[in-house]
Amino acid sequence: MTQFFTWLLAAVARKHTHACAHKMLRLDDHLLRDIGLTQNDVLNCMSKPAQMAEGCLPTRRSENLETAAAAPTRQTAPSPDGLAA
């Protein structure tokens, strides 16, 4: 009996996770990038087994944000006359 309820709760959690992931896939790339994810991140996490997918998106988000923070930002130098280009 306990095994049945465990299976049932896992199925409900999987359905909820997939519904959230499908909503995220409908977002455009700019919105996903704003929260630190890409569509490939979402697809990759959806393709993993349930026990491995838990925490997948927060982990990918953290990795993406760390990579972005480590990358040098490209800024244009001010022009000698003080006007923006």
N, C-alpha and C. Protein backbone atom coordinates (compact mmCIF):
# COMPACT_ATOMS: atom_id res chain seq x y z
N MET A 1 0.82 -1.19 0.00
CA MET A 1 0.00 0.00 0.00
C MET A 1 0.87 1.26 0.00
N THR A 2 1.92 1.27 0.80
CA THR A 2 2.81 2.42 0.86
C THR A 2 3.49 2.66 -0.48
N GLN A 3 3.85 1.57 -1.15
CA GLN A 3 4.51 1.69 -2.45
C GLN A 3 3.58 2.36 -3.46
N PHE A 4 2.30 2.05 -3.40
CA PHE A 4 1.33 2.67 -4.30
C PHE A 4 1.28 4.18 -4.08
N PHE A 5 1.21 4.62 -2.83
CA PHE A 5 1.14 6.05 -2.54
C PHE A 5 2.43 6.76 -2.92
N THR A 6 3.55 6.09 -2.73
CA THR A 6 4.83 6.65 -3.16
C THR A 6 4.84 6.84 -4.66
N TRP A 7 4.37 5.84 -5.39
CA TRP A 7 4.30 5.93 -6.85
C TRP A 7 3.34 7.05 -7.26
N LEU A 8 2.20 7.13 -6.60
CA LEU A 8 1.20 8.14 -6.93
C LEU A 8 1.75 9.56 -6.70
N LEU A 9 2.39 9.78 -5.57
CA LEU A 9 2.97 11.09 -5.30
C LEU A 9 4.07 11.44 -6.30
N ALA A 10 4.87 10.46 -6.68
CA ALA A 10 5.92 10.70 -7.67
C ALA A 10 5.31 11.06 -9.02
N ALA A 11 4.22 10.39 -9.39
CA ALA A 11 3.55 10.68 -10.66
C ALA A 11 2.97 12.09 -10.66
N VAL A 12 2.37 12.49 -9.57
CA VAL A 12 1.82 13.85 -9.46
C VAL A 12 2.95 14.89 -9.55
N ALA A 13 4.06 14.62 -8.87
CA ALA A 13 5.20 15.55 -8.90
C ALA A 13 5.77 15.64 -10.31
N ARG A 14 5.87 14.50 -11.01
CA ARG A 14 6.37 14.51 -12.39
C ARG A 14 5.46 15.32 -13.29
N LYS A 15 4.17 15.14 -13.14
CA LYS A 15 3.21 15.87 -13.97
C LYS A 15 3.32 17.37 -13.71
N HIS A 16 3.45 17.75 -12.45
CA HIS A 16 3.59 19.17 -12.10
C HIS A 16 4.89 19.74 -12.68
N THR A 17 5.98 19.00 -12.57
CA THR A 17 7.27 19.44 -13.10
C THR A 17 7.20 19.63 -14.60
N HIS A 18 6.61 18.67 -15.31
CA HIS A 18 6.50 18.78 -16.76
C HIS A 18 5.59 19.94 -17.17
N ALA A 19 4.54 20.17 -16.42
CA ALA A 19 3.66 21.30 -16.74
C ALA A 19 4.42 22.63 -16.58
N CYS A 20 5.21 22.75 -15.54
CA CYS A 20 6.01 23.97 -15.34
C CYS A 20 7.04 24.12 -16.44
N ALA A 21 7.68 23.02 -16.81
CA ALA A 21 8.70 23.07 -17.86
C ALA A 21 8.08 23.47 -19.20
N HIS A 22 6.90 22.96 -19.50
CA HIS A 22 6.23 23.33 -20.75
C HIS A 22 5.89 24.82 -20.77
N LYS A 23 5.49 25.36 -19.62
CA LYS A 23 5.23 26.80 -19.54
C LYS A 23 6.51 27.58 -19.78
N MET A 24 7.61 27.09 -19.24
CA MET A 24 8.89 27.77 -19.42
C MET A 24 9.33 27.73 -20.88
N LEU A 25 9.03 26.64 -21.57
CA LEU A 25 9.42 26.54 -22.97
C LEU A 25 8.64 27.50 -23.86
N ARG A 26 7.48 27.95 -23.38
CA ARG A 26 6.71 28.93 -24.15
C ARG A 26 7.25 30.35 -24.00
N LEU A 27 8.12 30.55 -23.02
CA LEU A 27 8.72 31.87 -22.84
C LEU A 27 9.74 32.12 -23.95
N ASP A 28 9.92 33.36 -24.32
CA ASP A 28 10.92 33.64 -25.35
C ASP A 28 12.32 33.62 -24.74
N ASP A 29 13.32 33.59 -25.60
CA ASP A 29 14.71 33.47 -25.15
C ASP A 29 15.13 34.61 -24.22
N HIS A 30 14.61 35.81 -24.47
CA HIS A 30 14.99 36.95 -23.64
C HIS A 30 14.49 36.79 -22.20
N LEU A 31 13.26 36.33 -22.04
CA LEU A 31 12.73 36.13 -20.69
C LEU A 31 13.48 35.02 -19.97
N LEU A 32 13.77 33.93 -20.68
CA LEU A 32 14.53 32.85 -20.06
C LEU A 32 15.93 33.33 -19.67
N ARG A 33 16.55 34.11 -20.53
CA ARG A 33 17.89 34.62 -20.23
C ARG A 33 17.85 35.54 -19.01
N ASP A 34 16.76 36.29 -18.85
CA ASP A 34 16.62 37.17 -17.69
C ASP A 34 16.62 36.38 -16.38
N ILE A 35 16.10 35.17 -16.41
CA ILE A 35 16.10 34.36 -15.19
C ILE A 35 17.29 33.40 -15.15
N GLY A 36 18.18 33.51 -16.12
CA GLY A 36 19.42 32.73 -16.08
C GLY A 36 19.33 31.36 -16.70
N LEU A 37 18.37 31.14 -17.60
CA LEU A 37 18.20 29.84 -18.24
C LEU A 37 18.12 29.98 -19.76
N THR A 38 18.24 28.86 -20.44
CA THR A 38 18.01 28.79 -21.88
C THR A 38 16.99 27.69 -22.14
N GLN A 39 16.47 27.66 -23.35
CA GLN A 39 15.54 26.58 -23.69
C GLN A 39 16.24 25.23 -23.64
N ASN A 40 17.52 25.19 -24.01
CA ASN A 40 18.27 23.94 -23.93
C ASN A 40 18.39 23.45 -22.49
N ASP A 41 18.54 24.36 -21.54
CA ASP A 41 18.58 23.98 -20.13
C ASP A 41 17.28 23.28 -19.73
N VAL A 42 16.16 23.86 -20.13
CA VAL A 42 14.86 23.30 -19.78
C VAL A 42 14.68 21.94 -20.44
N LEU A 43 14.99 21.84 -21.73
CA LEU A 43 14.86 20.56 -22.43
C LEU A 43 15.77 19.50 -21.84
N ASN A 44 16.99 19.89 -21.50
CA ASN A 44 17.93 18.94 -20.92
C ASN A 44 17.41 18.40 -19.59
N CYS A 45 16.90 19.27 -18.75
CA CYS A 45 16.38 18.83 -17.45
C CYS A 45 15.13 17.98 -17.60
N MET A 46 14.29 18.28 -18.59
CA MET A 46 13.08 17.48 -18.81
C MET A 46 13.42 16.07 -19.28
N SER A 47 14.55 15.92 -19.96
CA SER A 47 14.90 14.61 -20.53
C SER A 47 15.52 13.68 -19.50
N LYS A 48 15.85 14.19 -18.31
CA LYS A 48 16.47 13.37 -17.28
C LYS A 48 15.40 12.59 -16.52
N PRO A 49 15.79 11.44 -15.96
CA PRO A 49 14.84 10.71 -15.09
C PRO A 49 14.45 11.58 -13.89
N ALA A 50 13.30 11.32 -13.34
CA ALA A 50 12.74 12.16 -12.28
C ALA A 50 13.69 12.33 -11.10
N GLN A 51 14.35 11.27 -10.67
CA GLN A 51 15.23 11.38 -9.51
C GLN A 51 16.47 12.23 -9.80
N MET A 52 16.85 12.35 -11.07
CA MET A 52 18.01 13.16 -11.43
C MET A 52 17.60 14.59 -11.79
N ALA A 53 16.35 14.78 -12.18
CA ALA A 53 15.89 16.09 -12.64
C ALA A 53 15.60 17.05 -11.50
N GLU A 54 15.40 16.53 -10.31
CA GLU A 54 15.09 17.40 -9.18
C GLU A 54 16.27 18.33 -8.91
N GLY A 55 16.01 19.59 -8.92
CA GLY A 55 17.06 20.58 -8.69
C GLY A 55 17.89 20.89 -9.92
N CYS A 56 17.52 20.33 -11.04
CA CYS A 56 18.31 20.51 -12.27
C CYS A 56 18.28 21.97 -12.74
N LEU A 57 17.11 22.57 -12.84
CA LEU A 57 17.01 23.94 -13.33
C LEU A 57 17.69 24.95 -12.39
N PRO A 58 17.50 24.85 -11.08
CA PRO A 58 18.24 25.78 -10.22
C PRO A 58 19.76 25.62 -10.35
N THR A 59 20.22 24.40 -10.53
CA THR A 59 21.65 24.16 -10.71
C THR A 59 22.14 24.78 -12.00
N ARG A 60 21.41 24.56 -13.10
CA ARG A 60 21.80 25.15 -14.39
C ARG A 60 21.78 26.68 -14.31
N ARG A 61 20.78 27.23 -13.64
CA ARG A 61 20.69 28.68 -13.49
C ARG A 61 21.92 29.21 -12.76
N SER A 62 22.30 28.56 -11.67
CA SER A 62 23.48 28.99 -10.92
C SER A 62 24.73 28.92 -11.78
N GLU A 63 24.88 27.83 -12.53
CA GLU A 63 26.04 27.68 -13.40
C GLU A 63 26.07 28.78 -14.47
N ASN A 64 24.92 29.06 -15.07
CA ASN A 64 24.84 30.10 -16.10
C ASN A 64 25.19 31.47 -15.53
N LEU A 65 24.68 31.76 -14.33
CA LEU A 65 24.95 33.06 -13.72
C LEU A 65 26.42 33.19 -13.34
N GLU A 66 27.03 32.09 -12.85
CA GLU A 66 28.45 32.13 -12.52
C GLU A 66 29.29 32.33 -13.77
N THR A 67 28.92 31.66 -14.86
CA THR A 67 29.66 31.81 -16.12
C THR A 67 29.54 33.24 -16.63
N ALA A 68 28.34 33.80 -16.54
CA ALA A 68 28.14 35.17 -17.01
C ALA A 68 28.91 36.17 -16.16
N ALA A 69 28.98 35.93 -14.86
CA ALA A 69 29.71 36.83 -13.97
C ALA A 69 31.21 36.74 -14.20
N ALA A 70 31.70 35.56 -14.57
CA ALA A 70 33.13 35.39 -14.80
C ALA A 70 33.57 35.95 -16.14
N ALA A 71 32.64 36.03 -17.08
CA ALA A 71 32.98 36.56 -18.41
C ALA A 71 33.20 38.07 -18.32
N PRO A 72 34.24 38.56 -18.96
CA PRO A 72 34.47 40.01 -18.91
C PRO A 72 33.37 40.75 -19.67
N THR A 73 32.90 41.82 -19.09
CA THR A 73 31.87 42.61 -19.77
C THR A 73 32.56 43.55 -20.74
N ARG A 74 31.96 43.69 -21.87
CA ARG A 74 32.54 44.54 -22.91
C ARG A 74 31.92 45.93 -22.82
N GLN A 75 32.73 46.88 -22.49
CA GLN A 75 32.26 48.24 -22.40
C GLN A 75 33.06 49.09 -23.38
N THR A 76 32.38 50.05 -23.95
CA THR A 76 33.07 50.94 -24.88
C THR A 76 33.73 52.06 -24.09
N ALA A 77 34.91 52.41 -24.52
CA ALA A 77 35.64 53.50 -23.87
C ALA A 77 35.01 54.82 -24.29
N PRO A 78 34.97 55.79 -23.40
CA PRO A 78 34.42 57.10 -23.76
C PRO A 78 35.29 57.75 -24.82
N SER A 79 34.65 58.48 -25.69
CA SER A 79 35.41 59.16 -26.74
C SER A 79 36.17 60.33 -26.15
N PRO A 80 37.25 60.73 -26.78
CA PRO A 80 38.08 61.82 -26.23
C PRO A 80 37.33 63.14 -26.07
N ASP A 81 36.34 63.38 -26.90
CA ASP A 81 35.62 64.66 -26.78
C ASP A 81 34.49 64.61 -25.76
N GLY A 82 34.31 63.45 -25.10
CA GLY A 82 33.31 63.32 -24.04
C GLY A 82 31.92 62.98 -24.54
N LEU A 83 31.73 62.79 -25.83
CA LEU A 83 30.42 62.44 -26.38
C LEU A 83 30.32 60.94 -26.54
N ALA A 84 29.15 60.42 -26.31
CA ALA A 84 28.94 58.98 -26.48
C ALA A 84 28.90 58.66 -27.96
N ALA A 85 29.37 57.47 -28.29
CA ALA A 85 29.41 57.06 -29.70
C ALA A 85 28.05 56.65 -30.19
